[in-house]
C-alpha atoms as a PDB file:
ATOM      1  CA  MET A   1       0.000   0.000   0.000  1.00  0.00           C
ATOM      2  CA  SER A   2       1.313   3.427  -0.849  1.00  0.00           C
ATOM      3  CA  ILE A   3       1.621   6.291   1.586  1.00  0.00           C
ATOM      4  CA  SER A   4      -1.110   8.287  -0.185  1.00  0.00           C
ATOM      5  CA  ALA A   5      -3.538   5.332   0.165  1.00  0.00           C
ATOM      6  CA  ASN A   6      -2.803   5.187   3.910  1.00  0.00           C
ATOM      7  CA  TRP A   7      -3.572   8.889   4.202  1.00  0.00           C
ATOM      8  CA  MET A   8      -6.815   8.419   2.280  1.00  0.00           C
ATOM      9  CA  TYR A   9      -7.910   5.677   4.684  1.00  0.00           C
ATOM     10  CA  PHE A  10      -6.916   7.825   7.627  1.00  0.00           C
ATOM     11  CA  PHE A  11      -8.986  10.772   6.393  1.00  0.00           C
ATOM     12  CA  ALA A  12     -11.924   8.501   5.526  1.00  0.00           C
ATOM     13  CA  VAL A  13     -11.939   7.057   9.052  1.00  0.00           C
ATOM     14  CA  LEU A  14     -11.508  10.527  10.555  1.00  0.00           C
ATOM     15  CA  GLY A  15     -14.405  11.834   8.459  1.00  0.00           C
ATOM     16  CA  GLY A  16     -16.564   8.910   9.586  1.00  0.00           C
ATOM     17  CA  LEU A  17     -15.764   9.599  13.241  1.00  0.00           C
ATOM     18  CA  ILE A  18     -16.595  13.285  12.849  1.00  0.00           C
ATOM     19  CA  ALA A  19     -19.886  12.432  11.129  1.00  0.00           C
ATOM     20  CA  ALA A  20     -20.790   9.937  13.883  1.00  0.00           C
ATOM     21  CA  TYR A  21     -20.032  12.540  16.562  1.00  0.00           C
ATOM     22  CA  ARG A  22     -22.223  15.142  14.798  1.00  0.00           C
ATOM     23  CA  ILE A  23     -25.085  12.639  14.545  1.00  0.00           C
ATOM     24  CA  TRP A  24     -24.754  11.876  18.261  1.00  0.00           C
ATOM     25  CA  GLN A  25     -24.787  15.622  19.074  1.00  0.00           C
ATOM     26  CA  ASN A  26     -27.922  16.165  16.997  1.00  0.00           C
ATOM     27  CA  LEU A  27     -29.684  13.230  18.676  1.00  0.00           C
ATOM     28  CA  GLN A  28     -28.872  14.690  22.107  1.00  0.00           C
ATOM     29  CA  LYS A  29     -30.229  18.071  21.004  1.00  0.00           C
ATOM     30  CA  LEU A  30     -33.401  16.438  19.701  1.00  0.00           C
ATOM     31  CA  ARG A  31     -33.915  14.546  22.972  1.00  0.00           C
ATOM     32  CA  ARG A  32     -33.574  17.781  24.968  1.00  0.00           C
ATOM     33  CA  HIS A  33     -35.969  19.537  22.591  1.00  0.00           C
ATOM     34  CA  GLN A  34     -38.582  16.785  22.984  1.00  0.00           C
ATOM     35  CA  ASN A  35     -38.465  17.120  26.782  1.00  0.00           C
ATOM     36  CA  ASP A  36     -38.653  20.914  26.507  1.00  0.00           C
ATOM     37  CA  SER A  37     -41.644  20.755  24.198  1.00  0.00           C
ATOM     38  CA  TRP A  38     -43.388  18.296  26.563  1.00  0.00           C
ATOM     39  CA  ASP A  39     -43.323  20.921  29.319  1.00  0.00           C
ATOM     40  CA  ALA A  40     -44.573  23.603  26.939  1.00  0.00           C
ATOM     41  CA  ARG A  41     -47.388  21.364  25.648  1.00  0.00           C
ATOM     42  CA  LEU A  42     -48.538  20.462  29.148  1.00  0.00           C
ATOM     43  CA  ILE A  43     -48.677  24.126  30.190  1.00  0.00           C
ATOM     44  CA  ASP A  44     -50.465  24.996  26.944  1.00  0.00           C
ATOM     45  CA  GLN A  45     -53.069  22.254  27.583  1.00  0.00           C
ATOM     46  CA  LEU A  46     -53.715  23.571  31.084  1.00  0.00           C
ATOM     47  CA  ARG A  47     -54.199  27.093  29.752  1.00  0.00           C
ATOM     48  CA  LYS A  48     -56.514  25.906  26.965  1.00  0.00           C
ATOM     49  CA  ARG A  49     -58.663  24.162  29.564  1.00  0.00           C
ATOM     50  CA  GLY A  50     -59.017  27.507  31.342  1.00  0.00           C
ATOM     51  CA  SER A  51     -56.281  27.334  33.963  1.00  0.00           C
ATOM     52  CA  ASP A  52     -55.087  30.710  35.256  1.00  0.00           C
ATOM     53  CA  PRO A  53     -51.423  31.079  34.245  1.00  0.00           C
ATOM     54  CA  PHE A  54     -50.820  33.801  36.828  1.00  0.00           C
ATOM     55  CA  LYS A  55     -51.842  31.727  39.865  1.00  0.00           C
ATOM     56  CA  PRO A  56     -49.722  29.099  41.600  1.00  0.00           C
ATOM     57  CA  HIS A  57     -50.580  25.513  40.646  1.00  0.00           C
ATOM     58  CA  ASP A  58     -50.210  22.357  42.714  1.00  0.00           C
ATOM     59  CA  VAL A  59     -47.530  20.512  40.749  1.00  0.00           C
ATOM     60  CA  ASP A  60     -46.618  16.854  41.299  1.00  0.00           C
ATOM     61  CA  PHE A  61     -43.259  15.491  40.128  1.00  0.00           C
ATOM     62  CA  PHE A  62     -42.593  11.785  39.642  1.00  0.00           C
ATOM     63  CA  LEU A  63     -39.246   9.993  39.763  1.00  0.00           C
ATOM     64  CA  ALA A  64     -38.142   6.366  40.127  1.00  0.00           C
ATOM     65  CA  PHE A  65     -34.905   4.888  41.512  1.00  0.00           C
ATOM     66  CA  PRO A  66     -33.305   1.473  41.862  1.00  0.00           C
ATOM     67  CA  THR A  67     -32.268   2.150  45.480  1.00  0.00           C
ATOM     68  CA  GLN A  68     -33.990   3.694  48.447  1.00  0.00           C
ATOM     69  CA  GLN A  69     -30.806   5.642  49.195  1.00  0.00           C
ATOM     70  CA  GLY A  70     -30.895   7.415  45.813  1.00  0.00           C
ATOM     71  CA  ALA A  71     -34.567   8.312  46.203  1.00  0.00           C
ATOM     72  CA  GLN A  72     -34.135   9.509  49.804  1.00  0.00           C
ATOM     73  CA  SER A  73     -31.075  11.560  48.877  1.00  0.00           C
ATOM     74  CA  LEU A  74     -32.915  13.493  46.164  1.00  0.00           C
ATOM     75  CA  ALA A  75     -36.022  13.788  48.375  1.00  0.00           C
ATOM     76  CA  ALA A  76     -33.918  15.479  51.064  1.00  0.00           C
ATOM     77  CA  GLN A  77     -32.446  17.863  48.487  1.00  0.00           C
ATOM     78  CA  LEU A  78     -35.918  18.750  47.181  1.00  0.00           C
ATOM     79  CA  ARG A  79     -37.277  19.300  50.708  1.00  0.00           C
ATOM     80  CA  ALA A  80     -34.453  21.788  51.291  1.00  0.00           C
ATOM     81  CA  GLU A  81     -35.732  23.634  48.181  1.00  0.00           C
ATOM     82  CA  GLY A  82     -39.282  23.886  49.518  1.00  0.00           C
ATOM     83  CA  PHE A  83     -40.837  20.770  47.998  1.00  0.00           C
ATOM     84  CA  ASP A  84     -42.898  18.207  49.879  1.00  0.00           C
ATOM     85  CA  ALA A  85     -41.389  14.833  49.033  1.00  0.00           C
ATOM     86  CA  ASP A  86     -42.075  11.233  49.955  1.00  0.00           C
ATOM     87  CA  VAL A  87     -40.519   7.951  48.910  1.00  0.00           C
ATOM     88  CA  SER A  88     -42.366   4.672  48.627  1.00  0.00           C
ATOM     89  CA  ASP A  89     -41.308   1.138  47.788  1.00  0.00           C
ATOM     90  CA  THR A  90     -43.176  -0.156  44.744  1.00  0.00           C
ATOM     91  CA  PRO A  91     -41.858  -3.672  43.998  1.00  0.00           C
ATOM     92  CA  GLU A  92     -44.218  -4.022  41.028  1.00  0.00           C
ATOM     93  CA  ASN A  93     -42.078  -1.435  39.195  1.00  0.00           C
ATOM     94  CA  GLY A  94     -39.161  -3.853  38.813  1.00  0.00           C
ATOM     95  CA  ASP A  95     -35.668  -2.390  38.847  1.00  0.00           C
ATOM     96  CA  LEU A  96     -36.866   1.161  39.565  1.00  0.00           C
ATOM     97  CA  ARG A  97     -38.926   0.152  42.569  1.00  0.00           C
ATOM     98  CA  HIS A  98     -38.372   3.215  44.762  1.00  0.00           C
ATOM     99  CA  SER A  99     -40.797   5.932  43.767  1.00  0.00           C
ATOM    100  CA  LEU A 100     -40.208   9.574  44.670  1.00  0.00           C
ATOM    101  CA  HIS A 101     -43.210  11.881  44.589  1.00  0.00           C
ATOM    102  CA  ALA A 102     -42.469  15.570  45.076  1.00  0.00           C
ATOM    103  CA  HIS A 103     -45.022  18.342  45.300  1.00  0.00           C
ATOM    104  CA  LYS A 104     -44.804  22.113  45.208  1.00  0.00           C
ATOM    105  CA  SER A 105     -47.213  24.963  44.644  1.00  0.00           C
ATOM    106  CA  MET A 106     -45.720  27.149  41.928  1.00  0.00           C
ATOM    107  CA  GLN A 107     -46.488  29.367  38.989  1.00  0.00           C
ATOM    108  CA  LEU A 108     -46.162  27.537  35.682  1.00  0.00           C
ATOM    109  CA  THR A 109     -43.903  29.259  33.190  1.00  0.00           C
ATOM    110  CA  VAL A 110     -42.437  27.361  30.276  1.00  0.00           C
ATOM    111  CA  PRO A 111     -38.761  28.338  30.843  1.00  0.00           C
ATOM    112  CA  ASP A 112     -38.922  27.576  34.583  1.00  0.00           C
ATOM    113  CA  MET A 113     -40.599  24.197  34.083  1.00  0.00           C
ATOM    114  CA  GLN A 114     -38.178  23.261  31.302  1.00  0.00           C
ATOM    115  CA  GLU A 115     -35.219  24.106  33.530  1.00  0.00           C
ATOM    116  CA  LEU A 116     -36.710  22.201  36.472  1.00  0.00           C
ATOM    117  CA  SER A 117     -37.379  19.158  34.269  1.00  0.00           C
ATOM    118  CA  ARG A 118     -33.790  19.251  32.982  1.00  0.00           C
ATOM    119  CA  ARG A 119     -32.448  19.542  36.518  1.00  0.00           C
ATOM    120  CA  LEU A 120     -34.596  16.673  37.820  1.00  0.00           C
ATOM    121  CA  THR A 121     -33.640  14.508  34.835  1.00  0.00           C
ATOM    122  CA  GLU A 122     -29.937  15.044  35.548  1.00  0.00           C
ATOM    123  CA  ALA A 123     -30.321  14.550  39.315  1.00  0.00           C
ATOM    124  CA  ALA A 124     -32.200  11.294  38.761  1.00  0.00           C
ATOM    125  CA  LYS A 125     -29.599  10.033  36.259  1.00  0.00           C
ATOM    126  CA  GLU A 126     -26.783  10.759  38.723  1.00  0.00           C
ATOM    127  CA  LYS A 127     -28.455   8.397  41.195  1.00  0.00           C
ATOM    128  CA  GLY A 128     -29.301   5.734  38.605  1.00  0.00           C
ATOM    129  CA  GLY A 129     -32.950   6.779  38.445  1.00  0.00           C
ATOM    130  CA  ARG A 130     -35.407   8.262  36.013  1.00  0.00           C
ATOM    131  CA  TYR A 131     -37.505  11.424  35.959  1.00  0.00           C
ATOM    132  CA  ASP A 132     -41.012  10.560  34.774  1.00  0.00           C
ATOM    133  CA  GLY A 133     -42.394  14.079  34.447  1.00  0.00           C
ATOM    134  CA  TRP A 134     -44.932  16.244  36.222  1.00  0.00           C
ATOM    135  CA  SER A 135     -48.622  16.981  36.347  1.00  0.00           C
ATOM    136  CA  ALA A 136     -50.690  19.852  37.690  1.00  0.00           C
ATOM    137  CA  LYS A 137     -54.275  20.432  38.600  1.00  0.00           C
ATOM    138  CA  GLN A 138     -56.169  23.144  36.802  1.00  0.00           C
ATOM    139  CA  VAL A 139     -56.539  26.490  38.597  1.00  0.00           C
ATOM    140  CA  PRO A 140     -59.666  28.269  37.335  1.00  0.00           C
ATOM    141  CA  LYS A 141     -59.462  31.866  36.188  1.00  0.00           C
ATOM    142  CA  PRO A 142     -61.389  34.377  38.343  1.00  0.00           C
ATOM    143  CA  GLU A 143     -64.033  34.901  35.653  1.00  0.00           C
ATOM    144  CA  ASP A 144     -64.612  31.126  35.466  1.00  0.00           C
ATOM    145  CA  ILE A 145     -65.250  31.028  39.200  1.00  0.00           C
ATOM    146  CA  ALA A 146     -67.685  33.963  38.925  1.00  0.00           C
ATOM    147  CA  ASP A 147     -69.560  32.174  36.084  1.00  0.00           C
ATOM    148  CA  ARG A 148     -70.010  29.059  38.239  1.00  0.00           C
ATOM    149  CA  THR A 149     -71.497  30.989  41.151  1.00  0.00           C
ATOM    150  CA  ARG A 150     -74.212  32.565  39.057  1.00  0.00           C
END
């Protein structure tokens, strides 16, 4: 094999590695975007159903962990941030049998919820767990309450 052929193989392999890295980066970006848009869609659905965006909502967050220690550790961290948090053992959930439920009354803004979801996803991953998302109850707008009392 000539020296120029070796260089061609080298650059072909290097190009393939660069392309694979770019694909991986784009997949990571897409995954983050899907999570971000989930938060935005959930807030949009609440607003379309008549929820008051300016009032605090009761928000429930759901996480699952393989160990009680991981769940308790994050629960303690969330309590220090003003959340109510409890951990329960749910053997029917298999490997992620320790369920963490956190609750907080808060105003729902898309950027804040996206950041909180990212933070909870990372915190759960660090402890071998998974962030399963959040839900909130509808908070009626003042005019909706007035309509019901008539």
